[in-house]
Amino acid sequence: MTLMNKKIAILQCSAEPDTATEALDMALSLASFDQPVQLILSGDAFSCLLDNPSKRYGMLELLDAEPIGISSHSSVDKNALPSSVETSVLPPENLKEHLNQFDEVLQFS
């Protein structure tokens, strides 16, 4: 199986700005080559969407990437998330099961 046939998850586990930039850049790069990809923000990483929302997150939808997954033990107020960014909430207890549907998982911590 070549890389171009694989479904890839980008798992961002840190809210550090450098980590967030690297994870988003990787997701955008893969999506721009029509690679099936989903950016998943785990733990407190979803605060990147709240603290410093970037128009670049919205580009994932334009590139037909899966909605950004949010998996956190903290309460996620969907109304507080930017309306320009498509998201889906994944319960933390289901994260491993969700990741099993991908051929590759790239983790950014």
PDB file of N, CA and C in Angstrom:
ATOM      1  N   MET A   1       0.854  -1.173   0.000  1.00  0.00           N
ATOM      2  CA  MET A   1       0.000   0.000   0.000  1.00  0.00           C
ATOM      3  C   MET A   1       0.900   1.236   0.000  1.00  0.00           C
ATOM      4  N   THR A   2       0.703   2.101  -0.947  1.00  0.00           N
ATOM      5  CA  THR A   2       1.495   3.327  -1.000  1.00  0.00           C
ATOM      6  C   THR A   2       0.891   4.363  -0.069  1.00  0.00           C
ATOM      7  N   LEU A   3       1.664   5.373   0.241  1.00  0.00           N
ATOM      8  CA  LEU A   3       1.192   6.441   1.118  1.00  0.00           C
ATOM      9  C   LEU A   3      -0.058   7.090   0.552  1.00  0.00           C
ATOM     10  N   MET A   4      -0.152   7.189  -0.749  1.00  0.00           N
ATOM     11  CA  MET A   4      -1.277   7.892  -1.362  1.00  0.00           C
ATOM     12  C   MET A   4      -2.598   7.146  -1.184  1.00  0.00           C
ATOM     13  N   ASN A   5      -2.561   5.899  -0.747  1.00  0.00           N
ATOM     14  CA  ASN A   5      -3.788   5.148  -0.541  1.00  0.00           C
ATOM     15  C   ASN A   5      -4.181   5.068   0.924  1.00  0.00           C
ATOM     16  N   LYS A   6      -3.379   5.580   1.793  1.00  0.00           N
ATOM     17  CA  LYS A   6      -3.600   5.424   3.223  1.00  0.00           C
ATOM     18  C   LYS A   6      -4.424   6.560   3.808  1.00  0.00           C
ATOM     19  N   LYS A   7      -5.254   6.195   4.765  1.00  0.00           N
ATOM     20  CA  LYS A   7      -6.027   7.170   5.528  1.00  0.00           C
ATOM     21  C   LYS A   7      -5.182   7.519   6.757  1.00  0.00           C
ATOM     22  N   ILE A   8      -4.907   8.809   6.949  1.00  0.00           N
ATOM     23  CA  ILE A   8      -3.960   9.236   7.977  1.00  0.00           C
ATOM     24  C   ILE A   8      -4.637  10.136   9.006  1.00  0.00           C
ATOM     25  N   ALA A   9      -4.331   9.859  10.280  1.00  0.00           N
ATOM     26  CA  ALA A   9      -4.776  10.712  11.382  1.00  0.00           C
ATOM     27  C   ALA A   9      -3.574  11.505  11.866  1.00  0.00           C
ATOM     28  N   ILE A  10      -3.772  12.788  12.077  1.00  0.00           N
ATOM     29  CA  ILE A  10      -2.768  13.656  12.696  1.00  0.00           C
ATOM     30  C   ILE A  10      -3.268  13.896  14.116  1.00  0.00           C
ATOM     31  N   LEU A  11      -2.597  13.308  15.097  1.00  0.00           N
ATOM     32  CA  LEU A  11      -3.010  13.408  16.489  1.00  0.00           C
ATOM     33  C   LEU A  11      -2.148  14.456  17.185  1.00  0.00           C
ATOM     34  N   GLN A  12      -2.757  15.588  17.501  1.00  0.00           N
ATOM     35  CA  GLN A  12      -2.065  16.674  18.206  1.00  0.00           C
ATOM     36  C   GLN A  12      -2.405  16.563  19.685  1.00  0.00           C
ATOM     37  N   CYS A  13      -1.364  16.370  20.513  1.00  0.00           N
ATOM     38  CA  CYS A  13      -1.573  16.145  21.951  1.00  0.00           C
ATOM     39  C   CYS A  13      -1.107  17.313  22.807  1.00  0.00           C
ATOM     40  N   SER A  14      -0.667  18.389  22.189  1.00  0.00           N
ATOM     41  CA  SER A  14      -0.143  19.533  22.933  1.00  0.00           C
ATOM     42  C   SER A  14      -0.726  20.823  22.366  1.00  0.00           C
ATOM     43  N   ALA A  15      -0.909  21.790  23.265  1.00  0.00           N
ATOM     44  CA  ALA A  15      -1.397  23.103  22.829  1.00  0.00           C
ATOM     45  C   ALA A  15      -0.249  24.069  22.558  1.00  0.00           C
ATOM     46  N   GLU A  16       0.984  23.588  22.627  1.00  0.00           N
ATOM     47  CA  GLU A  16       2.140  24.438  22.334  1.00  0.00           C
ATOM     48  C   GLU A  16       2.015  24.997  20.914  1.00  0.00           C
ATOM     49  N   PRO A  17       2.262  26.289  20.731  1.00  0.00           N
ATOM     50  CA  PRO A  17       2.104  26.890  19.394  1.00  0.00           C
ATOM     51  C   PRO A  17       2.925  26.197  18.296  1.00  0.00           C
ATOM     52  N   ASP A  18       4.162  25.815  18.589  1.00  0.00           N
ATOM     53  CA  ASP A  18       4.981  25.151  17.567  1.00  0.00           C
ATOM     54  C   ASP A  18       4.396  23.797  17.179  1.00  0.00           C
ATOM     55  N   THR A  19       3.933  23.060  18.178  1.00  0.00           N
ATOM     56  CA  THR A  19       3.328  21.757  17.913  1.00  0.00           C
ATOM     57  C   THR A  19       2.048  21.918  17.099  1.00  0.00           C
ATOM     58  N   ALA A  20       1.233  22.897  17.461  1.00  0.00           N
ATOM     59  CA  ALA A  20      -0.010  23.148  16.741  1.00  0.00           C
ATOM     60  C   ALA A  20       0.262  23.514  15.283  1.00  0.00           C
ATOM     61  N   THR A  21       1.262  24.338  15.064  1.00  0.00           N
ATOM     62  CA  THR A  21       1.617  24.738  13.701  1.00  0.00           C
ATOM     63  C   THR A  21       2.094  23.541  12.889  1.00  0.00           C
ATOM     64  N   GLU A  22       2.955  22.716  13.485  1.00  0.00           N
ATOM     65  CA  GLU A  22       3.476  21.541  12.770  1.00  0.00           C
ATOM     66  C   GLU A  22       2.359  20.561  12.422  1.00  0.00           C
ATOM     67  N   ALA A  23       1.477  20.294  13.370  1.00  0.00           N
ATOM     68  CA  ALA A  23       0.380  19.352  13.126  1.00  0.00           C
ATOM     69  C   ALA A  23      -0.552  19.880  12.037  1.00  0.00           C
ATOM     70  N   LEU A  24      -0.904  21.154  12.117  1.00  0.00           N
ATOM     71  CA  LEU A  24      -1.790  21.746  11.113  1.00  0.00           C
ATOM     72  C   LEU A  24      -1.116  21.787   9.750  1.00  0.00           C
ATOM     73  N   ASP A  25       0.155  22.143   9.703  1.00  0.00           N
ATOM     74  CA  ASP A  25       0.890  22.149   8.429  1.00  0.00           C
ATOM     75  C   ASP A  25       0.892  20.768   7.781  1.00  0.00           C
ATOM     76  N   MET A  26       1.106  19.723   8.596  1.00  0.00           N
ATOM     77  CA  MET A  26       1.120  18.362   8.057  1.00  0.00           C
ATOM     78  C   MET A  26      -0.259  17.994   7.520  1.00  0.00           C
ATOM     79  N   ALA A  27      -1.305  18.302   8.269  1.00  0.00           N
ATOM     80  CA  ALA A  27      -2.662  17.993   7.820  1.00  0.00           C
ATOM     81  C   ALA A  27      -2.997  18.732   6.527  1.00  0.00           C
ATOM     82  N   LEU A  28      -2.643  20.011   6.457  1.00  0.00           N
ATOM     83  CA  LEU A  28      -2.909  20.790   5.246  1.00  0.00           C
ATOM     84  C   LEU A  28      -2.114  20.266   4.056  1.00  0.00           C
ATOM     85  N   SER A  29      -0.870  19.891   4.296  1.00  0.00           N
ATOM     86  CA  SER A  29      -0.036  19.350   3.216  1.00  0.00           C
ATOM     87  C   SER A  29      -0.637  18.075   2.650  1.00  0.00           C
ATOM     88  N   LEU A  30      -1.012  17.167   3.532  1.00  0.00           N
ATOM     89  CA  LEU A  30      -1.601  15.908   3.067  1.00  0.00           C
ATOM     90  C   LEU A  30      -2.920  16.142   2.350  1.00  0.00           C
ATOM     91  N   ALA A  31      -3.765  16.996   2.920  1.00  0.00           N
ATOM     92  CA  ALA A  31      -5.061  17.277   2.297  1.00  0.00           C
ATOM     93  C   ALA A  31      -4.908  17.936   0.929  1.00  0.00           C
ATOM     94  N   SER A  32      -3.873  18.764   0.772  1.00  0.00           N
ATOM     95  CA  SER A  32      -3.672  19.440  -0.519  1.00  0.00           C
ATOM     96  C   SER A  32      -3.294  18.460  -1.627  1.00  0.00           C
ATOM     97  N   PHE A  33      -2.816  17.273  -1.233  1.00  0.00           N
ATOM     98  CA  PHE A  33      -2.511  16.225  -2.207  1.00  0.00           C
ATOM     99  C   PHE A  33      -3.615  15.166  -2.255  1.00  0.00           C
ATOM    100  N   ASP A  34      -4.818  15.559  -1.823  1.00  0.00           N
ATOM    101  CA  ASP A  34      -5.992  14.679  -1.828  1.00  0.00           C
ATOM    102  C   ASP A  34      -5.791  13.413  -1.002  1.00  0.00           C
ATOM    103  N   GLN A  35      -4.967  13.515   0.017  1.00  0.00           N
ATOM    104  CA  GLN A  35      -4.733  12.397   0.938  1.00  0.00           C
ATOM    105  C   GLN A  35      -5.842  12.396   1.989  1.00  0.00           C
ATOM    106  N   PRO A  36      -6.518  11.273   2.236  1.00  0.00           N
ATOM    107  CA  PRO A  36      -7.526  11.238   3.295  1.00  0.00           C
ATOM    108  C   PRO A  36      -6.862  11.498   4.656  1.00  0.00           C
ATOM    109  N   VAL A  37      -7.275  12.560   5.325  1.00  0.00           N
ATOM    110  CA  VAL A  37      -6.613  12.954   6.573  1.00  0.00           C
ATOM    111  C   VAL A  37      -7.619  13.574   7.539  1.00  0.00           C
ATOM    112  N   GLN A  38      -7.340  13.368   8.833  1.00  0.00           N
ATOM    113  CA  GLN A  38      -8.127  14.028   9.872  1.00  0.00           C
ATOM    114  C   GLN A  38      -7.174  14.522  10.950  1.00  0.00           C
ATOM    115  N   LEU A  39      -7.315  15.786  11.303  1.00  0.00           N
ATOM    116  CA  LEU A  39      -6.588  16.366  12.431  1.00  0.00           C
ATOM    117  C   LEU A  39      -7.425  16.107  13.676  1.00  0.00           C
ATOM    118  N   ILE A  40      -6.794  15.514  14.690  1.00  0.00           N
ATOM    119  CA  ILE A  40      -7.486  15.221  15.942  1.00  0.00           C
ATOM    120  C   ILE A  40      -6.749  15.931  17.069  1.00  0.00           C
ATOM    121  N   LEU A  41      -7.469  16.750  17.799  1.00  0.00           N
ATOM    122  CA  LEU A  41      -6.906  17.507  18.910  1.00  0.00           C
ATOM    123  C   LEU A  41      -7.262  16.774  20.195  1.00  0.00           C
ATOM    124  N   SER A  42      -6.241  16.268  20.876  1.00  0.00           N
ATOM    125  CA  SER A  42      -6.443  15.461  22.071  1.00  0.00           C
ATOM    126  C   SER A  42      -6.062  16.240  23.324  1.00  0.00           C
ATOM    127  N   GLY A  43      -6.768  15.970  24.407  1.00  0.00           N
ATOM    128  CA  GLY A  43      -6.470  16.649  25.671  1.00  0.00           C
ATOM    129  C   GLY A  43      -6.763  18.132  25.556  1.00  0.00           C
ATOM    130  N   ASP A  44      -5.821  18.941  26.043  1.00  0.00           N
ATOM    131  CA  ASP A  44      -6.009  20.389  26.006  1.00  0.00           C
ATOM    132  C   ASP A  44      -5.628  21.014  24.665  1.00  0.00           C
ATOM    133  N   ALA A  45      -5.246  20.200  23.693  1.00  0.00           N
ATOM    134  CA  ALA A  45      -4.845  20.729  22.386  1.00  0.00           C
ATOM    135  C   ALA A  45      -5.988  21.477  21.706  1.00  0.00           C
ATOM    136  N   PHE A  46      -7.238  21.135  22.066  1.00  0.00           N
ATOM    137  CA  PHE A  46      -8.363  21.828  21.423  1.00  0.00           C
ATOM    138  C   PHE A  46      -8.395  23.317  21.782  1.00  0.00           C
ATOM    139  N   SER A  47      -7.659  23.701  22.826  1.00  0.00           N
ATOM    140  CA  SER A  47      -7.631  25.124  23.196  1.00  0.00           C
ATOM    141  C   SER A  47      -7.005  25.971  22.089  1.00  0.00           C
ATOM    142  N   CYS A  48      -6.260  25.351  21.186  1.00  0.00           N
ATOM    143  CA  CYS A  48      -5.703  26.086  20.041  1.00  0.00           C
ATOM    144  C   CYS A  48      -6.813  26.724  19.208  1.00  0.00           C
ATOM    145  N   LEU A  49      -7.941  26.038  19.114  1.00  0.00           N
ATOM    146  CA  LEU A  49      -9.075  26.588  18.360  1.00  0.00           C
ATOM    147  C   LEU A  49      -9.742  27.737  19.100  1.00  0.00           C
ATOM    148  N   LEU A  50      -9.629  27.726  20.436  1.00  0.00           N
ATOM    149  CA  LEU A  50     -10.277  28.757  21.253  1.00  0.00           C
ATOM    150  C   LEU A  50      -9.374  29.965  21.462  1.00  0.00           C
ATOM    151  N   ASP A  51      -8.097  29.715  21.770  1.00  0.00           N
ATOM    152  CA  ASP A  51      -7.167  30.777  22.142  1.00  0.00           C
ATOM    153  C   ASP A  51      -6.673  31.594  20.958  1.00  0.00           C
ATOM    154  N   ASN A  52      -6.386  30.924  19.872  1.00  0.00           N
ATOM    155  CA  ASN A  52      -5.802  31.600  18.723  1.00  0.00           C
ATOM    156  C   ASN A  52      -6.330  30.963  17.444  1.00  0.00           C
ATOM    157  N   PRO A  53      -7.635  31.094  17.197  1.00  0.00           N
ATOM    158  CA  PRO A  53      -8.169  30.433  16.008  1.00  0.00           C
ATOM    159  C   PRO A  53      -7.550  31.005  14.734  1.00  0.00           C
ATOM    160  N   SER A  54      -7.174  30.123  13.887  1.00  0.00           N
ATOM    161  CA  SER A  54      -6.528  30.522  12.638  1.00  0.00           C
ATOM    162  C   SER A  54      -7.448  30.176  11.475  1.00  0.00           C
ATOM    163  N   LYS A  55      -7.462  31.025  10.492  1.00  0.00           N
ATOM    164  CA  LYS A  55      -8.246  30.752   9.290  1.00  0.00           C
ATOM    165  C   LYS A  55      -7.720  29.499   8.601  1.00  0.00           C
ATOM    166  N   ARG A  56      -6.479  29.140   8.925  1.00  0.00           N
ATOM    167  CA  ARG A  56      -5.876  27.953   8.312  1.00  0.00           C
ATOM    168  C   ARG A  56      -6.620  26.683   8.712  1.00  0.00           C
ATOM    169  N   TYR A  57      -7.217  26.646   9.917  1.00  0.00           N
ATOM    170  CA  TYR A  57      -8.000  25.468  10.308  1.00  0.00           C
ATOM    171  C   TYR A  57      -9.184  25.292   9.368  1.00  0.00           C
ATOM    172  N   GLY A  58      -9.797  26.386   8.967  1.00  0.00           N
ATOM    173  CA  GLY A  58     -10.923  26.333   8.047  1.00  0.00           C
ATOM    174  C   GLY A  58     -10.543  25.827   6.668  1.00  0.00           C
ATOM    175  N   MET A  59      -9.267  25.946   6.323  1.00  0.00           N
ATOM    176  CA  MET A  59      -8.802  25.463   5.022  1.00  0.00           C
ATOM    177  C   MET A  59      -8.911  23.946   4.917  1.00  0.00           C
ATOM    178  N   LEU A  60      -8.876  23.246   6.050  1.00  0.00           N
ATOM    179  CA  LEU A  60      -8.993  21.790   6.006  1.00  0.00           C
ATOM    180  C   LEU A  60     -10.310  21.377   5.353  1.00  0.00           C
ATOM    181  N   GLU A  61     -11.388  22.073   5.696  1.00  0.00           N
ATOM    182  CA  GLU A  61     -12.686  21.766   5.105  1.00  0.00           C
ATOM    183  C   GLU A  61     -12.671  22.050   3.604  1.00  0.00           C
ATOM    184  N   LEU A  62     -12.041  23.150   3.198  1.00  0.00           N
ATOM    185  CA  LEU A  62     -11.955  23.479   1.770  1.00  0.00           C
ATOM    186  C   LEU A  62     -11.196  22.419   0.988  1.00  0.00           C
ATOM    187  N   LEU A  63     -10.262  21.747   1.672  1.00  0.00           N
ATOM    188  CA  LEU A  63      -9.458  20.700   1.025  1.00  0.00           C
ATOM    189  C   LEU A  63     -10.076  19.313   1.214  1.00  0.00           C
ATOM    190  N   ASP A  64     -11.318  19.277   1.657  1.00  0.00           N
ATOM    191  CA  ASP A  64     -12.072  18.035   1.849  1.00  0.00           C
ATOM    192  C   ASP A  64     -11.471  17.096   2.886  1.00  0.00           C
ATOM    193  N   ALA A  65     -10.795  17.643   3.889  1.00  0.00           N
ATOM    194  CA  ALA A  65     -10.315  16.830   4.996  1.00  0.00           C
ATOM    195  C   ALA A  65     -11.497  16.518   5.909  1.00  0.00           C
ATOM    196  N   GLU A  66     -11.347  15.487   6.706  1.00  0.00           N
ATOM    197  CA  GLU A  66     -12.375  15.143   7.692  1.00  0.00           C
ATOM    198  C   GLU A  66     -12.513  16.301   8.685  1.00  0.00           C
ATOM    199  N   PRO A  67     -13.682  16.433   9.335  1.00  0.00           N
ATOM    200  CA  PRO A  67     -13.815  17.475  10.365  1.00  0.00           C
ATOM    201  C   PRO A  67     -12.751  17.276  11.454  1.00  0.00           C
ATOM    202  N   ILE A  68     -12.315  18.368  12.042  1.00  0.00           N
ATOM    203  CA  ILE A  68     -11.324  18.289  13.109  1.00  0.00           C
ATOM    204  C   ILE A  68     -11.957  17.554  14.288  1.00  0.00           C
ATOM    205  N   GLY A  69     -11.291  16.506  14.733  1.00  0.00           N
ATOM    206  CA  GLY A  69     -11.780  15.742  15.872  1.00  0.00           C
ATOM    207  C   GLY A  69     -11.273  16.350  17.169  1.00  0.00           C
ATOM    208  N   ILE A  70     -12.129  16.403  18.172  1.00  0.00           N
ATOM    209  CA  ILE A  70     -11.744  16.925  19.479  1.00  0.00           C
ATOM    210  C   ILE A  70     -12.026  15.835  20.504  1.00  0.00           C
ATOM    211  N   SER A  71     -10.976  15.401  21.190  1.00  0.00           N
ATOM    212  CA  SER A  71     -11.104  14.359  22.205  1.00  0.00           C
ATOM    213  C   SER A  71     -10.450  14.857  23.473  1.00  0.00           C
ATOM    214  N   SER A  72     -11.267  15.230  24.442  1.00  0.00           N
ATOM    215  CA  SER A  72     -10.741  15.824  25.664  1.00  0.00           C
ATOM    216  C   SER A  72     -11.581  15.418  26.864  1.00  0.00           C
ATOM    217  N   HIS A  73     -10.912  15.221  28.002  1.00  0.00           N
ATOM    218  CA  HIS A  73     -11.636  14.949  29.242  1.00  0.00           C
ATOM    219  C   HIS A  73     -12.282  16.235  29.761  1.00  0.00           C
ATOM    220  N   SER A  74     -11.774  17.377  29.299  1.00  0.00           N
ATOM    221  CA  SER A  74     -12.380  18.659  29.656  1.00  0.00           C
ATOM    222  C   SER A  74     -13.679  18.829  28.877  1.00  0.00           C
ATOM    223  N   SER A  75     -14.584  19.584  29.428  1.00  0.00           N
ATOM    224  CA  SER A  75     -15.840  19.862  28.758  1.00  0.00           C
ATOM    225  C   SER A  75     -15.580  20.717  27.512  1.00  0.00           C
ATOM    226  N   VAL A  76     -16.135  20.308  26.392  1.00  0.00           N
ATOM    227  CA  VAL A  76     -15.970  21.037  25.128  1.00  0.00           C
ATOM    228  C   VAL A  76     -17.284  21.725  24.798  1.00  0.00           C
ATOM    229  N   ASP A  77     -17.272  23.055  24.837  1.00  0.00           N
ATOM    230  CA  ASP A  77     -18.451  23.839  24.479  1.00  0.00           C
ATOM    231  C   ASP A  77     -18.391  24.109  22.979  1.00  0.00           C
ATOM    232  N   LYS A  78     -19.190  23.354  22.225  1.00  0.00           N
ATOM    233  CA  LYS A  78     -19.179  23.507  20.762  1.00  0.00           C
ATOM    234  C   LYS A  78     -19.522  24.932  20.342  1.00  0.00           C
ATOM    235  N   ASN A  79     -20.307  25.657  21.146  1.00  0.00           N
ATOM    236  CA  ASN A  79     -20.670  27.034  20.806  1.00  0.00           C
ATOM    237  C   ASN A  79     -19.486  27.985  20.927  1.00  0.00           C
ATOM    238  N   ALA A  80     -18.476  27.621  21.705  1.00  0.00           N
ATOM    239  CA  ALA A  80     -17.297  28.471  21.876  1.00  0.00           C
ATOM    240  C   ALA A  80     -16.296  28.279  20.747  1.00  0.00           C
ATOM    241  N   LEU A  81     -16.432  27.191  19.987  1.00  0.00           N
ATOM    242  CA  LEU A  81     -15.516  26.928  18.882  1.00  0.00           C
ATOM    243  C   LEU A  81     -15.856  27.826  17.698  1.00  0.00           C
ATOM    244  N   PRO A  82     -14.861  28.195  16.892  1.00  0.00           N
ATOM    245  CA  PRO A  82     -15.135  29.050  15.727  1.00  0.00           C
ATOM    246  C   PRO A  82     -16.137  28.376  14.784  1.00  0.00           C
ATOM    247  N   SER A  83     -17.129  29.125  14.363  1.00  0.00           N
ATOM    248  CA  SER A  83     -18.159  28.567  13.484  1.00  0.00           C
ATOM    249  C   SER A  83     -17.611  28.260  12.087  1.00  0.00           C
ATOM    250  N   SER A  84     -16.481  28.838  11.742  1.00  0.00           N
ATOM    251  CA  SER A  84     -15.895  28.615  10.422  1.00  0.00           C
ATOM    252  C   SER A  84     -15.121  27.307  10.333  1.00  0.00           C
ATOM    253  N   VAL A  85     -15.016  26.582  11.457  1.00  0.00           N
ATOM    254  CA  VAL A  85     -14.240  25.345  11.495  1.00  0.00           C
ATOM    255  C   VAL A  85     -15.168  24.180  11.800  1.00  0.00           C
ATOM    256  N   GLU A  86     -15.167  23.202  10.915  1.00  0.00           N
ATOM    257  CA  GLU A  86     -15.997  22.014  11.111  1.00  0.00           C
ATOM    258  C   GLU A  86     -15.306  21.074  12.107  1.00  0.00           C
ATOM    259  N   THR A  87     -16.021  20.703  13.159  1.00  0.00           N
ATOM    260  CA  THR A  87     -15.451  19.839  14.197  1.00  0.00           C
ATOM    261  C   THR A  87     -16.392  18.701  14.529  1.00  0.00           C
ATOM    262  N   SER A  88     -15.835  17.668  15.139  1.00  0.00           N
ATOM    263  CA  SER A  88     -16.639  16.586  15.704  1.00  0.00           C
ATOM    264  C   SER A  88     -16.014  16.224  17.043  1.00  0.00           C
ATOM    265  N   VAL A  89     -16.848  15.977  18.037  1.00  0.00           N
ATOM    266  CA  VAL A  89     -16.358  15.638  19.370  1.00  0.00           C
ATOM    267  C   VAL A  89     -16.278  14.121  19.490  1.00  0.00           C
ATOM    268  N   LEU A  90     -15.099  13.642  19.892  1.00  0.00           N
ATOM    269  CA  LEU A  90     -14.857  12.215  20.084  1.00  0.00           C
ATOM    270  C   LEU A  90     -14.654  11.964  21.569  1.00  0.00           C
ATOM    271  N   PRO A  91     -15.514  11.178  22.207  1.00  0.00           N
ATOM    272  CA  PRO A  91     -15.289  10.890  23.625  1.00  0.00           C
ATOM    273  C   PRO A  91     -13.918  10.243  23.820  1.00  0.00           C
ATOM    274  N   PRO A  92     -13.153  10.669  24.836  1.00  0.00           N
ATOM    275  CA  PRO A  92     -11.799  10.127  25.050  1.00  0.00           C
ATOM    276  C   PRO A  92     -11.762   8.607  25.143  1.00  0.00           C
ATOM    277  N   GLU A  93     -12.811   8.016  25.706  1.00  0.00           N
ATOM    278  CA  GLU A  93     -12.822   6.553  25.833  1.00  0.00           C
ATOM    279  C   GLU A  93     -12.982   5.857  24.479  1.00  0.00           C
ATOM    280  N   ASN A  94     -13.367   6.601  23.442  1.00  0.00           N
ATOM    281  CA  ASN A  94     -13.519   6.038  22.096  1.00  0.00           C
ATOM    282  C   ASN A  94     -12.372   6.431  21.157  1.00  0.00           C
ATOM    283  N   LEU A  95     -11.397   7.188  21.665  1.00  0.00           N
ATOM    284  CA  LEU A  95     -10.329   7.688  20.789  1.00  0.00           C
ATOM    285  C   LEU A  95      -9.534   6.546  20.162  1.00  0.00           C
ATOM    286  N   LYS A  96      -9.135   5.572  20.956  1.00  0.00           N
ATOM    287  CA  LYS A  96      -8.335   4.466  20.421  1.00  0.00           C
ATOM    288  C   LYS A  96      -9.100   3.726  19.325  1.00  0.00           C
ATOM    289  N   GLU A  97     -10.371   3.475  19.573  1.00  0.00           N
ATOM    290  CA  GLU A  97     -11.211   2.809  18.570  1.00  0.00           C
ATOM    291  C   GLU A  97     -11.301   3.643  17.294  1.00  0.00           C
ATOM    292  N   HIS A  98     -11.450   4.962  17.456  1.00  0.00           N
ATOM    293  CA  HIS A  98     -11.518   5.859  16.296  1.00  0.00           C
ATOM    294  C   HIS A  98     -10.203   5.818  15.506  1.00  0.00           C
ATOM    295  N   LEU A  99      -9.080   5.840  16.219  1.00  0.00           N
ATOM    296  CA  LEU A  99      -7.775   5.827  15.547  1.00  0.00           C
ATOM    297  C   LEU A  99      -7.524   4.515  14.813  1.00  0.00           C
ATOM    298  N   ASN A 100      -8.148   3.437  15.250  1.00  0.00           N
ATOM    299  CA  ASN A 100      -7.966   2.136  14.600  1.00  0.00           C
ATOM    300  C   ASN A 100      -8.484   2.111  13.168  1.00  0.00           C
ATOM    301  N   GLN A 101      -9.336   3.058  12.785  1.00  0.00           N
ATOM    302  CA  GLN A 101      -9.853   3.081  11.414  1.00  0.00           C
ATOM    303  C   GLN A 101      -8.862   3.718  10.428  1.00  0.00           C
ATOM    304  N   PHE A 102      -7.765   4.258  10.954  1.00  0.00           N
ATOM    305  CA  PHE A 102      -6.754   4.890  10.102  1.00  0.00           C
ATOM    306  C   PHE A 102      -5.614   3.913   9.820  1.00  0.00           C
ATOM    307  N   ASP A 103      -4.997   4.074   8.660  1.00  0.00           N
ATOM    308  CA  ASP A 103      -3.836   3.242   8.309  1.00  0.00           C
ATOM    309  C   ASP A 103      -2.581   3.720   9.012  1.00  0.00           C
ATOM    310  N   GLU A 104      -2.479   5.024   9.227  1.00  0.00           N
ATOM    311  CA  GLU A 104      -1.312   5.625   9.881  1.00  0.00           C
ATOM    312  C   GLU A 104      -1.795   6.692  10.852  1.00  0.00           C
ATOM    313  N   VAL A 105      -1.100   6.793  11.992  1.00  0.00           N
ATOM    314  CA  VAL A 105      -1.366   7.852  12.968  1.00  0.00           C
ATOM    315  C   VAL A 105      -0.058   8.564  13.220  1.00  0.00           C
ATOM    316  N   LEU A 106      -0.025   9.853  12.949  1.00  0.00           N
ATOM    317  CA  LEU A 106       1.160  10.680  13.201  1.00  0.00           C
ATOM    318  C   LEU A 106       0.870  11.526  14.426  1.00  0.00           C
ATOM    319  N   GLN A 107       1.668  11.350  15.470  1.00  0.00           N
ATOM    320  CA  GLN A 107       1.414  12.054  16.724  1.00  0.00           C
ATOM    321  C   GLN A 107       2.367  13.234  16.896  1.00  0.00           C
ATOM    322  N   PHE A 108       1.790  14.372  17.264  1.00  0.00           N
ATOM    323  CA  PHE A 108       2.536  15.592  17.539  1.00  0.00           C
ATOM    324  C   PHE A 108       2.307  15.951  19.000  1.00  0.00           C
ATOM    325  N   SER A 109       3.373  15.895  19.812  1.00  0.00           N
ATOM    326  CA  SER A 109       3.261  16.172  21.251  1.00  0.00           C
ATOM    327  C   SER A 109       4.133  17.327  21.656  1.00  0.00           C
TER     328      SER A 109
END
